[in-house]
Amino acid sequence: PELGKEGSEYHKVVCHDPSTGELLGPEEVEARRRYERRMLCYLCCSLWICLPAPRLRFQLKMKEVKRLDAAFLLRDEEDDVFLQVTIGTARYLLDNRDALAVPSLMQFLSMSLL
């Protein structure tokens, strides 16, 4: 199913005002979507920074966390903030000695950057 399809749970949450239940205008919906994409980017990058810690890496694996590459998929026509944050985080990790000790993280970042 399409995320923005009318009647979907996503449409109810993003396109309606939670306090009144009224349908929001296109500007408000776009602002919410931009905020949602920004938070997704920041969440992915924050998780990447935590991945060199073995205990957290184990917990994420046990919880079956998927799609840590979502930040690489975000694009914004108006600005390139998502790309700057994503590449900046990847660059930090590629220079980080603790992260270099995790081959799967290095492979993930290398393949995603290509």
Foldseek 3Di string as FASTA:
>chain_A
DDQCDPPDPNVQVQQADPVPSDGDDPVSSVVSVVVVLVVLLVVLLVVLVVCLPVVVVVVCVVVVDDDSLVLLVDDDPVDRPSVVSNVVSLVVLVPDPSSVVDVVSVVVSVVSVD
